Amino acid sequence: MADQMKIKTLTLRCRYWRPGTDYISEVTERVKNHIETGDIVAVSEKAVSTATGNIADEAQIKPSRLAWFLSSTWTRRFWGGPLGTLVGLKEQTIENLRNFPLEEGAAHKQLALSHVGLLQSLRHYSEGGIDASNLPYAYVSLPLQSPMINASMIREHILSTTGKEVTVMIMDGDTTYSWRNLHLAPRRVQSPGLIHFGGVFTFLIGRILGFKARQTPIAIVGEPINPDRVLWYARLYHRQCGGGAGRTAWSMSEKMDTTLTGVTWEMLESVEHYPVSIIRVSE
């Protein structure tokens, strides 16, 4: 595919989007002097969720017995043991899972059970789009409820401000697994051609069978794009945008030299963030 296309990308640095940020204006302001009609504007779901206040404080959650089981036995012993080895997790990831924090982890699993259900909660990370990285204290971002609406508002504001018609994609860093024209998304998404049938099973099948792994576009508004090409763009975006303060809660706390819940808003604002990219394709 890469041999058939000429692709230019521009990844744009933004200030950290705290809750209450007008992300639509932020995106438009960053891209307005760079875009052309036909470009793709890719935006991080996590950044949009944070800006809209679509976050939860896990310090306020009381775990159930099932959540405690998922935090201790399931995550520590199974994902940190034979299951992690079976699917080929990195040694550092397995070590992190073996030391999964029991109390904080139980609260996290309870939130997942409440918001995305048991099959997603059985995953070892990014349960149904819930994400603890690049957020302070015990906050996590929740999956957007109507990402097509978010993408449409961005596209319409760019058009009204610049007169340029672009395609807007909202991206999740979690992985879709592909085999030929079969694309198994980690959760139900509104992107055409991506299917989902059950939380943890998508991950297990994709990893065990060695399917192609790429990040997930959860919404696309504008010109229709072939699903395989959309996934290729999602992977490109993921590589270009970096990880901010860290791609996982563990790497974030290590980078900030603090505990898993010791990261502050100010620490996050001191790090470079790149939630917006422009992708320009010519045949």
C-alpha atoms as a PDB file:
ATOM      1  CA  MET A   1       0.000   0.000   0.000  1.00  0.00           C
ATOM      2  CA  ALA A   2       2.763   2.411   0.933  1.00  0.00           C
ATOM      3  CA  ASP A   3       4.317   1.991  -2.533  1.00  0.00           C
ATOM      4  CA  GLN A   4       1.070   3.127  -4.181  1.00  0.00           C
ATOM      5  CA  MET A   5       0.595   6.279  -2.157  1.00  0.00           C
ATOM      6  CA  LYS A   6       2.515   9.392  -1.289  1.00  0.00           C
ATOM      7  CA  ILE A   7       1.800  10.308   2.298  1.00  0.00           C
ATOM      8  CA  LYS A   8       2.750  13.408   4.227  1.00  0.00           C
ATOM      9  CA  THR A   9       2.058  13.740   7.936  1.00  0.00           C
ATOM     10  CA  LEU A  10       2.223  16.658  10.307  1.00  0.00           C
ATOM     11  CA  THR A  11       1.817  15.956  14.014  1.00  0.00           C
ATOM     12  CA  LEU A  12       0.862  19.045  15.996  1.00  0.00           C
ATOM     13  CA  ARG A  13       1.840  19.822  19.555  1.00  0.00           C
ATOM     14  CA  CYS A  14      -0.950  21.058  21.810  1.00  0.00           C
ATOM     15  CA  ARG A  15      -1.194  22.138  25.393  1.00  0.00           C
ATOM     16  CA  TYR A  16      -2.567  19.485  27.713  1.00  0.00           C
ATOM     17  CA  TRP A  17      -6.358  19.402  27.462  1.00  0.00           C
ATOM     18  CA  ARG A  18      -7.771  19.540  30.966  1.00  0.00           C
ATOM     19  CA  PRO A  19     -11.508  18.974  31.518  1.00  0.00           C
ATOM     20  CA  GLY A  20     -13.416  21.961  30.181  1.00  0.00           C
ATOM     21  CA  THR A  21     -11.060  22.595  27.269  1.00  0.00           C
ATOM     22  CA  ASP A  22     -12.782  23.666  24.043  1.00  0.00           C
ATOM     23  CA  TYR A  23     -11.157  20.857  22.070  1.00  0.00           C
ATOM     24  CA  ILE A  24     -13.016  21.755  18.865  1.00  0.00           C
ATOM     25  CA  SER A  25     -11.479  25.227  18.780  1.00  0.00           C
ATOM     26  CA  GLU A  26      -8.123  23.806  19.872  1.00  0.00           C
ATOM     27  CA  VAL A  27      -8.038  21.379  16.940  1.00  0.00           C
ATOM     28  CA  THR A  28      -9.155  24.005  14.455  1.00  0.00           C
ATOM     29  CA  GLU A  29      -6.606  26.535  15.686  1.00  0.00           C
ATOM     30  CA  ARG A  30      -3.758  24.035  15.382  1.00  0.00           C
ATOM     31  CA  VAL A  31      -4.625  22.789  11.871  1.00  0.00           C
ATOM     32  CA  LYS A  32      -6.030  25.892  10.168  1.00  0.00           C
ATOM     33  CA  ASN A  33      -2.730  27.111   8.711  1.00  0.00           C
ATOM     34  CA  HIS A  34      -1.653  23.682   7.492  1.00  0.00           C
ATOM     35  CA  ILE A  35      -4.637  21.817   6.026  1.00  0.00           C
ATOM     36  CA  GLU A  36      -5.873  21.448   2.487  1.00  0.00           C
ATOM     37  CA  THR A  37      -9.199  20.125   1.258  1.00  0.00           C
ATOM     38  CA  GLY A  38      -9.021  16.324   1.219  1.00  0.00           C
ATOM     39  CA  ASP A  39      -6.697  16.013   4.200  1.00  0.00           C
ATOM     40  CA  ILE A  40      -7.366  13.696   7.117  1.00  0.00           C
ATOM     41  CA  VAL A  41      -7.337  15.189  10.606  1.00  0.00           C
ATOM     42  CA  ALA A  42      -6.740  12.504  13.233  1.00  0.00           C
ATOM     43  CA  VAL A  43      -7.492  13.206  16.900  1.00  0.00           C
ATOM     44  CA  SER A  44      -6.919  11.189  20.082  1.00  0.00           C
ATOM     45  CA  GLU A  45     -10.050   9.815  21.745  1.00  0.00           C
ATOM     46  CA  LYS A  46      -8.396  10.029  25.158  1.00  0.00           C
ATOM     47  CA  ALA A  47      -7.663  13.730  24.698  1.00  0.00           C
ATOM     48  CA  VAL A  48     -11.265  14.412  23.652  1.00  0.00           C
ATOM     49  CA  SER A  49     -12.640  12.376  26.570  1.00  0.00           C
ATOM     50  CA  THR A  50     -10.460  14.299  29.013  1.00  0.00           C
ATOM     51  CA  ALA A  51     -11.406  17.673  27.525  1.00  0.00           C
ATOM     52  CA  THR A  52     -15.125  16.872  27.741  1.00  0.00           C
ATOM     53  CA  GLY A  53     -14.844  15.652  31.331  1.00  0.00           C
ATOM     54  CA  ASN A  54     -15.612  12.080  30.303  1.00  0.00           C
ATOM     55  CA  ILE A  55     -13.411  10.781  33.117  1.00  0.00           C
ATOM     56  CA  ALA A  56     -13.912   8.958  36.412  1.00  0.00           C
ATOM     57  CA  ASP A  57     -12.139   9.081  39.770  1.00  0.00           C
ATOM     58  CA  GLU A  58     -11.424   5.514  40.790  1.00  0.00           C
ATOM     59  CA  ALA A  59     -10.526   6.629  44.309  1.00  0.00           C
ATOM     60  CA  GLN A  60     -14.272   7.039  44.891  1.00  0.00           C
ATOM     61  CA  ILE A  61     -15.172   3.488  43.825  1.00  0.00           C
ATOM     62  CA  LYS A  62     -15.946   0.643  46.227  1.00  0.00           C
ATOM     63  CA  PRO A  63     -14.954  -2.699  44.644  1.00  0.00           C
ATOM     64  CA  SER A  64     -17.149  -5.784  44.674  1.00  0.00           C
ATOM     65  CA  ARG A  65     -15.903  -9.292  45.414  1.00  0.00           C
ATOM     66  CA  LEU A  66     -15.733  -9.985  41.689  1.00  0.00           C
ATOM     67  CA  ALA A  67     -13.599  -6.885  41.188  1.00  0.00           C
ATOM     68  CA  TRP A  68     -11.221  -8.051  43.923  1.00  0.00           C
ATOM     69  CA  PHE A  69     -10.961 -11.450  42.229  1.00  0.00           C
ATOM     70  CA  LEU A  70     -10.189  -9.827  38.866  1.00  0.00           C
ATOM     71  CA  SER A  71      -7.548  -7.612  40.449  1.00  0.00           C
ATOM     72  CA  SER A  72      -5.806 -10.342  42.422  1.00  0.00           C
ATOM     73  CA  THR A  73      -6.230 -13.863  41.118  1.00  0.00           C
ATOM     74  CA  TRP A  74      -7.204 -13.137  37.520  1.00  0.00           C
ATOM     75  CA  THR A  75      -4.784 -10.317  36.705  1.00  0.00           C
ATOM     76  CA  ARG A  76      -1.859 -11.262  38.924  1.00  0.00           C
ATOM     77  CA  ARG A  77      -1.879 -15.031  38.527  1.00  0.00           C
ATOM     78  CA  PHE A  78      -3.388 -15.630  35.090  1.00  0.00           C
ATOM     79  CA  TRP A  79      -2.364 -12.571  33.039  1.00  0.00           C
ATOM     80  CA  GLY A  80       0.854 -12.382  35.018  1.00  0.00           C
ATOM     81  CA  GLY A  81       1.375 -16.099  34.451  1.00  0.00           C
ATOM     82  CA  PRO A  82       0.299 -18.648  31.816  1.00  0.00           C
ATOM     83  CA  LEU A  83      -2.164 -16.417  29.968  1.00  0.00           C
ATOM     84  CA  GLY A  84       0.356 -13.634  29.528  1.00  0.00           C
ATOM     85  CA  THR A  85       2.938 -16.109  28.286  1.00  0.00           C
ATOM     86  CA  LEU A  86       0.445 -17.742  25.908  1.00  0.00           C
ATOM     87  CA  VAL A  87      -0.352 -14.488  24.114  1.00  0.00           C
ATOM     88  CA  GLY A  88       3.263 -13.318  24.068  1.00  0.00           C
ATOM     89  CA  LEU A  89       3.152 -10.321  26.380  1.00  0.00           C
ATOM     90  CA  LYS A  90       6.461  -8.587  26.987  1.00  0.00           C
ATOM     91  CA  GLU A  91       8.410  -9.648  30.063  1.00  0.00           C
ATOM     92  CA  GLN A  92       8.064  -6.204  31.611  1.00  0.00           C
ATOM     93  CA  THR A  93       4.305  -6.254  31.052  1.00  0.00           C
ATOM     94  CA  ILE A  94       4.016  -9.660  32.706  1.00  0.00           C
ATOM     95  CA  GLU A  95       6.089  -8.423  35.635  1.00  0.00           C
ATOM     96  CA  ASN A  96       3.818  -5.377  35.981  1.00  0.00           C
ATOM     97  CA  LEU A  97       0.762  -7.626  35.977  1.00  0.00           C
ATOM     98  CA  ARG A  98       2.258  -9.884  38.632  1.00  0.00           C
ATOM     99  CA  ASN A  99       2.566  -6.789  40.798  1.00  0.00           C
ATOM    100  CA  PHE A 100      -0.824  -5.353  39.834  1.00  0.00           C
ATOM    101  CA  PRO A 101      -1.898  -3.012  42.698  1.00  0.00           C
ATOM    102  CA  LEU A 102      -4.657  -4.816  44.551  1.00  0.00           C
ATOM    103  CA  GLU A 103      -6.720  -1.951  45.971  1.00  0.00           C
ATOM    104  CA  GLU A 104      -6.378   0.455  43.060  1.00  0.00           C
ATOM    105  CA  GLY A 105      -6.693  -2.444  40.634  1.00  0.00           C
ATOM    106  CA  ALA A 106      -9.921  -3.643  42.245  1.00  0.00           C
ATOM    107  CA  ALA A 107     -11.412  -0.159  41.928  1.00  0.00           C
ATOM    108  CA  HIS A 108     -10.360  -0.088  38.272  1.00  0.00           C
ATOM    109  CA  LYS A 109     -11.952  -3.468  37.597  1.00  0.00           C
ATOM    110  CA  GLN A 110     -15.140  -2.370  39.342  1.00  0.00           C
ATOM    111  CA  LEU A 111     -15.338   0.668  37.089  1.00  0.00           C
ATOM    112  CA  ALA A 112     -14.841  -1.590  34.065  1.00  0.00           C
ATOM    113  CA  LEU A 113     -17.535  -3.997  35.257  1.00  0.00           C
ATOM    114  CA  SER A 114     -19.962  -1.100  35.702  1.00  0.00           C
ATOM    115  CA  HIS A 115     -19.234   0.665  32.401  1.00  0.00           C
ATOM    116  CA  VAL A 116     -18.216  -1.981  29.861  1.00  0.00           C
ATOM    117  CA  GLY A 117     -19.176  -5.362  31.321  1.00  0.00           C
ATOM    118  CA  LEU A 118     -17.501  -8.604  32.325  1.00  0.00           C
ATOM    119  CA  LEU A 119     -15.975  -9.649  28.980  1.00  0.00           C
ATOM    120  CA  GLN A 120     -14.119  -6.354  28.703  1.00  0.00           C
ATOM    121  CA  SER A 121     -13.145  -6.446  32.384  1.00  0.00           C
ATOM    122  CA  LEU A 122     -11.377  -9.765  31.788  1.00  0.00           C
ATOM    123  CA  ARG A 123      -8.797  -7.929  29.693  1.00  0.00           C
ATOM    124  CA  HIS A 124      -5.523  -6.972  31.313  1.00  0.00           C
ATOM    125  CA  TYR A 125      -5.611  -3.365  30.074  1.00  0.00           C
ATOM    126  CA  SER A 126      -7.690  -0.821  28.132  1.00  0.00           C
ATOM    127  CA  GLU A 127     -10.943  -2.495  29.067  1.00  0.00           C
ATOM    128  CA  GLY A 128     -13.489  -1.315  26.515  1.00  0.00           C
ATOM    129  CA  GLY A 129     -11.578   1.910  25.916  1.00  0.00           C
ATOM    130  CA  ILE A 130     -10.997   2.802  29.586  1.00  0.00           C
ATOM    131  CA  ASP A 131      -7.527   4.310  29.898  1.00  0.00           C
ATOM    132  CA  ALA A 132      -5.461   5.359  32.924  1.00  0.00           C
ATOM    133  CA  SER A 133      -2.477   6.857  31.100  1.00  0.00           C
ATOM    134  CA  ASN A 134      -1.963  10.616  30.740  1.00  0.00           C
ATOM    135  CA  LEU A 135      -4.367  11.352  33.555  1.00  0.00           C
ATOM    136  CA  PRO A 136      -3.503  12.384  37.127  1.00  0.00           C
ATOM    137  CA  TYR A 137      -4.178  10.775  40.486  1.00  0.00           C
ATOM    138  CA  ALA A 138      -6.742   7.940  40.197  1.00  0.00           C
ATOM    139  CA  TYR A 139      -8.563   9.381  37.193  1.00  0.00           C
ATOM    140  CA  VAL A 140      -9.203   7.355  34.048  1.00  0.00           C
ATOM    141  CA  SER A 141     -10.744   8.351  30.744  1.00  0.00           C
ATOM    142  CA  LEU A 142     -13.935   6.639  29.614  1.00  0.00           C
ATOM    143  CA  PRO A 143     -14.838   5.694  26.036  1.00  0.00           C
ATOM    144  CA  LEU A 144     -16.725   8.345  24.097  1.00  0.00           C
ATOM    145  CA  GLN A 145     -20.435   7.609  23.891  1.00  0.00           C
ATOM    146  CA  SER A 146     -21.023   9.273  20.512  1.00  0.00           C
ATOM    147  CA  PRO A 147     -17.647   9.700  18.788  1.00  0.00           C
ATOM    148  CA  MET A 148     -19.295  10.320  15.407  1.00  0.00           C
ATOM    149  CA  ILE A 149     -20.873  13.453  16.869  1.00  0.00           C
ATOM    150  CA  ASN A 150     -17.524  14.606  18.275  1.00  0.00           C
ATOM    151  CA  ALA A 151     -15.846  14.026  14.905  1.00  0.00           C
ATOM    152  CA  SER A 152     -18.677  15.801  13.039  1.00  0.00           C
ATOM    153  CA  MET A 153     -18.430  18.872  15.260  1.00  0.00           C
ATOM    154  CA  ILE A 154     -14.688  19.097  14.648  1.00  0.00           C
ATOM    155  CA  ARG A 155     -15.145  18.738  10.888  1.00  0.00           C
ATOM    156  CA  GLU A 156     -17.932  21.327  10.735  1.00  0.00           C
ATOM    157  CA  HIS A 157     -15.936  23.852  12.760  1.00  0.00           C
ATOM    158  CA  ILE A 158     -12.877  23.400  10.546  1.00  0.00           C
ATOM    159  CA  LEU A 159     -15.054  23.883   7.442  1.00  0.00           C
ATOM    160  CA  SER A 160     -16.777  27.004   8.784  1.00  0.00           C
ATOM    161  CA  THR A 161     -13.484  28.512   9.923  1.00  0.00           C
ATOM    162  CA  THR A 162     -11.209  27.653   6.993  1.00  0.00           C
ATOM    163  CA  GLY A 163     -13.488  26.646   4.124  1.00  0.00           C
ATOM    164  CA  LYS A 164     -11.509  23.389   3.838  1.00  0.00           C
ATOM    165  CA  GLU A 165     -13.338  20.043   3.636  1.00  0.00           C
ATOM    166  CA  VAL A 166     -11.426  17.397   5.551  1.00  0.00           C
ATOM    167  CA  THR A 167     -12.046  13.932   6.909  1.00  0.00           C
ATOM    168  CA  VAL A 168     -11.902  13.661  10.695  1.00  0.00           C
ATOM    169  CA  MET A 169     -10.914  10.440  12.430  1.00  0.00           C
ATOM    170  CA  ILE A 170     -10.972   9.828  16.171  1.00  0.00           C
ATOM    171  CA  MET A 171      -8.394   7.249  17.261  1.00  0.00           C
ATOM    172  CA  ASP A 172      -8.126   4.774  20.114  1.00  0.00           C
ATOM    173  CA  GLY A 173      -4.658   3.400  20.897  1.00  0.00           C
ATOM    174  CA  ASP A 174      -6.087  -0.062  21.597  1.00  0.00           C
ATOM    175  CA  THR A 175      -5.541  -2.729  18.971  1.00  0.00           C
ATOM    176  CA  THR A 176      -7.690  -4.075  16.142  1.00  0.00           C
ATOM    177  CA  TYR A 177      -6.597  -7.463  14.779  1.00  0.00           C
ATOM    178  CA  SER A 178      -6.894  -8.207  11.068  1.00  0.00           C
ATOM    179  CA  TRP A 179      -6.762 -11.285   8.891  1.00  0.00           C
ATOM    180  CA  ARG A 180      -7.365 -10.490   5.221  1.00  0.00           C
ATOM    181  CA  ASN A 181     -10.696  -8.608   5.185  1.00  0.00           C
ATOM    182  CA  LEU A 182     -11.633  -9.649   8.718  1.00  0.00           C
ATOM    183  CA  HIS A 183     -11.035  -6.813  11.188  1.00  0.00           C
ATOM    184  CA  LEU A 184     -11.706  -7.593  14.864  1.00  0.00           C
ATOM    185  CA  ALA A 185     -12.056  -4.418  16.910  1.00  0.00           C
ATOM    186  CA  PRO A 186     -11.458  -4.443  20.676  1.00  0.00           C
ATOM    187  CA  ARG A 187     -14.881  -2.846  21.253  1.00  0.00           C
ATOM    188  CA  ARG A 188     -17.943  -1.865  19.281  1.00  0.00           C
ATOM    189  CA  VAL A 189     -17.010   1.080  17.089  1.00  0.00           C
ATOM    190  CA  GLN A 190     -18.774   3.106  14.441  1.00  0.00           C
ATOM    191  CA  SER A 191     -16.093   2.683  11.796  1.00  0.00           C
ATOM    192  CA  PRO A 192     -17.351   0.685   8.771  1.00  0.00           C
ATOM    193  CA  GLY A 193     -15.854  -2.769   8.289  1.00  0.00           C
ATOM    194  CA  LEU A 194     -14.717  -3.300  11.890  1.00  0.00           C
ATOM    195  CA  ILE A 195     -16.557  -5.933  13.926  1.00  0.00           C
ATOM    196  CA  HIS A 196     -16.565  -6.893  17.581  1.00  0.00           C
ATOM    197  CA  PHE A 197     -17.862  -9.990  19.304  1.00  0.00           C
ATOM    198  CA  GLY A 198     -16.720 -10.031  22.878  1.00  0.00           C
ATOM    199  CA  GLY A 199     -14.107  -8.156  24.825  1.00  0.00           C
ATOM    200  CA  VAL A 200     -11.228 -10.359  25.858  1.00  0.00           C
ATOM    201  CA  PHE A 201     -11.836 -12.925  23.112  1.00  0.00           C
ATOM    202  CA  THR A 202     -10.912 -10.456  20.374  1.00  0.00           C
ATOM    203  CA  PHE A 203      -7.541  -9.925  22.032  1.00  0.00           C
ATOM    204  CA  LEU A 204      -6.912 -13.627  22.666  1.00  0.00           C
ATOM    205  CA  ILE A 205      -7.792 -14.686  19.117  1.00  0.00           C
ATOM    206  CA  GLY A 206      -5.796 -11.892  17.523  1.00  0.00           C
ATOM    207  CA  ARG A 207      -2.683 -12.568  19.590  1.00  0.00           C
ATOM    208  CA  ILE A 208      -2.749 -16.366  19.526  1.00  0.00           C
ATOM    209  CA  LEU A 209      -3.404 -16.579  15.778  1.00  0.00           C
ATOM    210  CA  GLY A 210      -0.888 -13.858  14.964  1.00  0.00           C
ATOM    211  CA  PHE A 211      -3.311 -11.493  13.220  1.00  0.00           C
ATOM    212  CA  LYS A 212      -2.040  -8.099  12.043  1.00  0.00           C
ATOM    213  CA  ALA A 213      -2.256  -5.609  14.916  1.00  0.00           C
ATOM    214  CA  ARG A 214      -3.087  -1.954  14.338  1.00  0.00           C
ATOM    215  CA  GLN A 215      -4.674   0.802  16.383  1.00  0.00           C
ATOM    216  CA  THR A 216      -8.404   1.453  16.195  1.00  0.00           C
ATOM    217  CA  PRO A 217     -10.281   4.299  14.472  1.00  0.00           C
ATOM    218  CA  ILE A 218     -13.511   4.641  16.441  1.00  0.00           C
ATOM    219  CA  ALA A 219     -15.168   7.254  14.217  1.00  0.00           C
ATOM    220  CA  ILE A 220     -14.674   8.582  10.679  1.00  0.00           C
ATOM    221  CA  VAL A 221     -16.551  11.568   9.261  1.00  0.00           C
ATOM    222  CA  GLY A 222     -15.945  12.765   5.718  1.00  0.00           C
ATOM    223  CA  GLU A 223     -14.809  10.828   2.678  1.00  0.00           C
ATOM    224  CA  PRO A 224     -15.349   7.041   2.863  1.00  0.00           C
ATOM    225  CA  ILE A 225     -12.099   5.096   3.280  1.00  0.00           C
ATOM    226  CA  ASN A 226     -11.387   1.398   2.817  1.00  0.00           C
ATOM    227  CA  PRO A 227     -11.240  -0.307   6.278  1.00  0.00           C
ATOM    228  CA  ASP A 228      -7.761  -1.719   5.736  1.00  0.00           C
ATOM    229  CA  ARG A 229      -6.446   1.681   4.703  1.00  0.00           C
ATOM    230  CA  VAL A 230      -8.140   3.330   7.687  1.00  0.00           C
ATOM    231  CA  LEU A 231      -6.342   0.899   9.991  1.00  0.00           C
ATOM    232  CA  TRP A 232      -3.072   1.659   8.234  1.00  0.00           C
ATOM    233  CA  TYR A 233      -3.651   5.370   8.910  1.00  0.00           C
ATOM    234  CA  ALA A 234      -4.471   4.590  12.545  1.00  0.00           C
ATOM    235  CA  ARG A 235      -1.167   2.792  12.974  1.00  0.00           C
ATOM    236  CA  LEU A 236       0.673   5.679  11.307  1.00  0.00           C
ATOM    237  CA  TYR A 237      -1.037   8.164  13.614  1.00  0.00           C
ATOM    238  CA  HIS A 238      -0.135   6.107  16.673  1.00  0.00           C
ATOM    239  CA  ARG A 239       3.525   6.084  15.686  1.00  0.00           C
ATOM    240  CA  GLN A 240       3.575   9.795  14.985  1.00  0.00           C
ATOM    241  CA  CYS A 241       1.733  11.123  18.034  1.00  0.00           C
ATOM    242  CA  GLY A 242       3.977   9.627  20.723  1.00  0.00           C
ATOM    243  CA  GLY A 243       2.860   8.618  24.181  1.00  0.00           C
ATOM    244  CA  GLY A 244       2.660  11.917  26.015  1.00  0.00           C
ATOM    245  CA  ALA A 245       3.544  11.218  29.641  1.00  0.00           C
ATOM    246  CA  GLY A 246       3.516   7.467  28.922  1.00  0.00           C
ATOM    247  CA  ARG A 247       1.518   4.861  27.032  1.00  0.00           C
ATOM    248  CA  THR A 248       0.626   3.018  30.233  1.00  0.00           C
ATOM    249  CA  ALA A 249       0.035   4.026  33.843  1.00  0.00           C
ATOM    250  CA  TRP A 250       3.246   2.207  34.769  1.00  0.00           C
ATOM    251  CA  SER A 251       5.427   3.994  32.225  1.00  0.00           C
ATOM    252  CA  MET A 252       3.801   7.309  33.107  1.00  0.00           C
ATOM    253  CA  SER A 253       4.500   6.965  36.847  1.00  0.00           C
ATOM    254  CA  GLU A 254       8.055   5.800  36.116  1.00  0.00           C
ATOM    255  CA  LYS A 255       8.695   8.752  33.817  1.00  0.00           C
ATOM    256  CA  MET A 256       7.344  11.142  36.441  1.00  0.00           C
ATOM    257  CA  ASP A 257       9.249   9.364  39.225  1.00  0.00           C
ATOM    258  CA  THR A 258       6.154   8.930  41.384  1.00  0.00           C
ATOM    259  CA  THR A 259       3.535   6.355  42.348  1.00  0.00           C
ATOM    260  CA  LEU A 260       0.738   5.113  40.089  1.00  0.00           C
ATOM    261  CA  THR A 261      -1.629   7.680  41.608  1.00  0.00           C
ATOM    262  CA  GLY A 262       0.973  10.357  42.312  1.00  0.00           C
ATOM    263  CA  VAL A 263       0.906  12.090  38.931  1.00  0.00           C
ATOM    264  CA  THR A 264      -0.546  15.623  39.050  1.00  0.00           C
ATOM    265  CA  TRP A 265      -2.181  17.883  36.458  1.00  0.00           C
ATOM    266  CA  GLU A 266       0.905  20.098  36.564  1.00  0.00           C
ATOM    267  CA  MET A 267       3.208  17.149  35.821  1.00  0.00           C
ATOM    268  CA  LEU A 268       1.130  16.285  32.775  1.00  0.00           C
ATOM    269  CA  GLU A 269       1.212  19.886  31.555  1.00  0.00           C
ATOM    270  CA  SER A 270       5.017  19.827  31.653  1.00  0.00           C
ATOM    271  CA  VAL A 271       5.142  17.068  29.010  1.00  0.00           C
ATOM    272  CA  GLU A 272       4.790  17.537  25.255  1.00  0.00           C
ATOM    273  CA  HIS A 273       1.464  16.257  23.923  1.00  0.00           C
ATOM    274  CA  TYR A 274       0.609  15.578  20.272  1.00  0.00           C
ATOM    275  CA  PRO A 275      -3.086  14.620  20.090  1.00  0.00           C
ATOM    276  CA  VAL A 276      -3.661  15.946  16.550  1.00  0.00           C
ATOM    277  CA  SER A 277      -2.130  14.873  13.231  1.00  0.00           C
ATOM    278  CA  ILE A 278      -2.757  15.832   9.629  1.00  0.00           C
ATOM    279  CA  ILE A 279      -2.441  13.043   7.071  1.00  0.00           C
ATOM    280  CA  ARG A 280      -2.245  14.014   3.397  1.00  0.00           C
ATOM    281  CA  VAL A 281      -2.512  11.287   0.792  1.00  0.00           C
ATOM    282  CA  SER A 282      -1.886  11.511  -2.931  1.00  0.00           C
ATOM    283  CA  GLU A 283      -2.139   8.557  -5.304  1.00  0.00           C
END
